[in-house]
N, C-alpha and C. Protein backbone atom coordinates (compact mmCIF):
# COMPACT_ATOMS: atom_id res chain seq x y z
N UNK A 1 59.68 58.37 -4.18
CA UNK A 1 59.95 57.67 -5.43
C UNK A 1 58.65 56.22 -4.89
N UNK A 2 58.03 55.90 -5.90
CA UNK A 2 57.19 54.98 -5.57
C UNK A 2 57.59 53.50 -5.64
N UNK A 3 57.19 52.55 -4.67
CA UNK A 3 57.72 51.08 -4.70
C UNK A 3 57.56 50.71 -6.25
N UNK A 4 58.68 49.74 -6.71
CA UNK A 4 58.36 49.02 -7.77
C UNK A 4 57.34 48.22 -7.61
N UNK A 5 56.76 47.89 -8.90
CA UNK A 5 55.59 46.75 -8.93
C UNK A 5 56.44 45.65 -9.42
N UNK A 6 55.86 44.42 -8.90
CA UNK A 6 56.13 43.13 -9.36
C UNK A 6 55.33 42.32 -10.01
N UNK A 7 55.46 41.72 -10.86
CA UNK A 7 54.60 40.76 -11.66
C UNK A 7 54.79 39.55 -11.73
N UNK A 8 54.04 38.49 -11.64
CA UNK A 8 54.44 37.33 -11.87
C UNK A 8 54.72 37.13 -13.56
N UNK A 9 55.50 36.33 -13.68
CA UNK A 9 55.99 36.43 -15.14
C UNK A 9 54.71 35.47 -16.03
N UNK A 10 54.03 34.81 -15.40
CA UNK A 10 52.78 34.30 -15.96
C UNK A 10 51.83 35.15 -16.37
N UNK A 11 51.79 36.24 -15.70
CA UNK A 11 50.85 37.41 -15.99
C UNK A 11 51.43 38.25 -16.98
N UNK A 12 52.87 38.62 -16.88
CA UNK A 12 53.45 39.65 -17.91
C UNK A 12 54.24 39.01 -19.21
N UNK A 13 54.15 37.61 -19.19
CA UNK A 13 55.06 36.99 -20.38
C UNK A 13 54.58 37.78 -21.72
N UNK A 14 53.10 37.62 -21.99
CA UNK A 14 52.83 37.88 -23.41
C UNK A 14 53.09 39.50 -23.32
N UNK A 15 52.98 40.55 -22.50
CA UNK A 15 53.05 41.71 -22.73
C UNK A 15 54.52 41.89 -22.75
N UNK A 16 55.36 41.29 -22.31
CA UNK A 16 56.95 41.57 -22.25
C UNK A 16 57.24 41.17 -23.59
N UNK A 17 56.57 40.03 -24.31
CA UNK A 17 57.15 39.53 -25.59
C UNK A 17 56.81 40.43 -26.65
N UNK A 18 55.42 41.13 -26.59
CA UNK A 18 55.13 42.13 -27.44
C UNK A 18 55.72 43.43 -27.19
N UNK A 19 56.36 43.84 -26.33
CA UNK A 19 57.09 44.94 -26.13
C UNK A 19 55.82 46.06 -25.39
N UNK A 20 54.79 45.71 -24.92
CA UNK A 20 54.03 46.32 -24.22
C UNK A 20 54.48 46.65 -22.90
N UNK A 21 55.48 45.91 -22.30
CA UNK A 21 56.16 45.99 -21.09
C UNK A 21 57.45 45.83 -21.12
N UNK A 22 58.57 46.46 -20.49
CA UNK A 22 59.88 46.45 -20.59
C UNK A 22 60.30 45.96 -19.48
N UNK A 23 61.07 44.77 -19.14
CA UNK A 23 61.81 44.35 -18.11
C UNK A 23 62.93 45.13 -17.96
N UNK A 24 62.96 45.78 -16.58
CA UNK A 24 64.07 46.53 -15.94
C UNK A 24 65.09 46.11 -15.16
N UNK A 25 64.94 44.75 -15.03
CA UNK A 25 65.86 44.06 -14.05
C UNK A 25 65.12 43.50 -12.95
N UNK A 26 65.96 42.92 -11.94
CA UNK A 26 65.27 42.52 -10.61
C UNK A 26 65.40 43.70 -9.59
N UNK A 27 64.34 43.34 -8.66
CA UNK A 27 64.43 44.36 -7.49
C UNK A 27 65.02 43.80 -6.36
N UNK A 28 66.30 44.13 -5.89
CA UNK A 28 66.77 43.76 -4.65
C UNK A 28 66.10 43.72 -3.53
N UNK A 29 66.28 42.75 -2.50
CA UNK A 29 65.55 42.99 -1.21
C UNK A 29 64.89 41.65 -0.98
N UNK A 30 63.70 41.54 -0.06
CA UNK A 30 63.07 40.60 0.47
C UNK A 30 62.67 39.69 -0.84
N UNK A 31 63.04 37.97 -0.71
CA UNK A 31 62.43 37.42 -1.87
C UNK A 31 60.78 37.17 -1.70
N UNK A 32 60.19 36.88 -2.87
CA UNK A 32 58.80 37.05 -2.99
C UNK A 32 58.49 35.21 -1.98
N UNK A 33 57.37 35.49 -1.41
CA UNK A 33 56.99 34.44 -0.98
C UNK A 33 55.47 33.97 -1.38
N UNK A 34 55.23 32.87 -2.08
CA UNK A 34 53.82 32.34 -2.23
C UNK A 34 53.34 31.40 -1.44
N UNK A 35 52.33 31.17 -0.97
CA UNK A 35 51.70 30.35 -0.11
C UNK A 35 50.35 29.75 -0.63
N UNK A 36 50.32 28.37 -0.69
CA UNK A 36 48.96 27.69 -0.73
C UNK A 36 48.52 27.21 0.30
N UNK A 37 47.22 27.82 0.84
CA UNK A 37 46.52 26.96 1.95
C UNK A 37 45.32 26.05 1.57
N UNK A 38 45.21 25.02 2.27
CA UNK A 38 44.27 24.31 1.76
C UNK A 38 43.49 23.62 3.31
N UNK A 39 42.49 22.96 3.19
CA UNK A 39 41.85 22.34 4.28
C UNK A 39 42.60 21.18 4.83
N UNK A 40 42.90 21.10 6.20
CA UNK A 40 43.87 19.91 6.65
C UNK A 40 42.88 18.78 6.44
N UNK A 41 43.29 17.65 5.77
CA UNK A 41 42.60 16.14 5.66
C UNK A 41 43.67 15.43 5.79
N UNK A 42 43.34 14.27 5.94
CA UNK A 42 44.02 13.04 5.84
C UNK A 42 44.93 12.70 4.54
N UNK A 43 44.11 12.83 3.36
CA UNK A 43 44.56 12.85 2.23
C UNK A 43 43.95 14.04 1.29
N UNK A 44 45.23 14.59 0.88
CA UNK A 44 45.22 15.66 -0.09
C UNK A 44 44.53 15.44 -1.62
N UNK A 45 43.88 16.16 -1.94
CA UNK A 45 43.26 15.84 -3.34
C UNK A 45 44.23 16.02 -4.36
N UNK A 46 44.13 15.40 -5.50
CA UNK A 46 44.98 15.32 -6.66
C UNK A 46 45.02 16.96 -7.17
N UNK A 47 43.98 17.49 -7.25
CA UNK A 47 43.66 18.87 -7.74
C UNK A 47 44.77 19.69 -6.86
N UNK A 48 44.92 19.70 -5.68
CA UNK A 48 45.65 20.44 -4.60
C UNK A 48 47.04 20.25 -4.81
N UNK A 49 47.39 18.85 -4.96
CA UNK A 49 48.57 18.26 -5.26
C UNK A 49 49.37 18.76 -6.57
N UNK A 50 48.45 18.77 -7.58
CA UNK A 50 48.60 19.55 -9.06
C UNK A 50 49.07 20.81 -8.89
N UNK A 51 48.11 21.59 -8.21
CA UNK A 51 48.46 23.13 -8.33
C UNK A 51 49.88 23.60 -7.43
N UNK A 52 50.00 22.84 -6.47
CA UNK A 52 51.30 22.96 -5.66
C UNK A 52 52.25 22.67 -6.47
N UNK A 53 52.27 21.43 -7.05
CA UNK A 53 53.50 21.12 -7.94
C UNK A 53 53.83 22.12 -8.99
N UNK A 54 52.66 22.55 -9.79
CA UNK A 54 53.06 23.41 -10.73
C UNK A 54 53.33 24.90 -10.27
N UNK A 55 52.84 25.30 -8.89
CA UNK A 55 53.81 26.48 -8.28
C UNK A 55 54.97 26.21 -8.43
N UNK A 56 55.39 25.14 -7.73
CA UNK A 56 56.95 24.74 -7.60
C UNK A 56 57.54 24.87 -8.84
N UNK A 57 57.15 24.36 -9.58
CA UNK A 57 57.78 24.50 -10.95
C UNK A 57 57.87 25.47 -11.90
N UNK A 58 56.88 26.61 -11.57
CA UNK A 58 56.78 27.87 -12.03
C UNK A 58 57.90 28.82 -11.64
N UNK A 59 58.41 28.56 -10.36
CA UNK A 59 59.18 29.42 -9.60
C UNK A 59 60.50 28.84 -9.62
N UNK A 60 61.75 29.51 -10.50
CA UNK A 60 62.91 28.47 -9.98
C UNK A 60 63.48 28.69 -8.87
N UNK A 61 63.91 27.71 -8.40
CA UNK A 61 64.55 27.86 -7.02
C UNK A 61 63.77 27.59 -5.77
N UNK A 62 62.55 27.29 -6.48
CA UNK A 62 61.50 27.31 -5.35
C UNK A 62 61.70 26.34 -4.11
N UNK A 63 61.24 26.59 -3.05
CA UNK A 63 61.36 25.90 -2.22
C UNK A 63 59.86 25.37 -1.47
N UNK A 64 59.70 24.11 -1.22
CA UNK A 64 58.50 23.65 -0.66
C UNK A 64 58.68 23.13 0.64
N UNK A 65 57.88 24.14 1.75
CA UNK A 65 58.21 23.89 3.25
C UNK A 65 56.72 23.69 3.63
């Protein structure tokens, strides 16, 4: 049996709403991790900060470490 394919809600939301995709529930197992890497500088740019904040808000129960 092939492994289940996981799609971010931001990508699949429109297809789910239209019925082109069907949500079959959650897949048990290891949690999905998202990492944002950027150059190490003394001051992080506003664009990087906004992007990381958007990621944190997009994923419920998100942890910023």
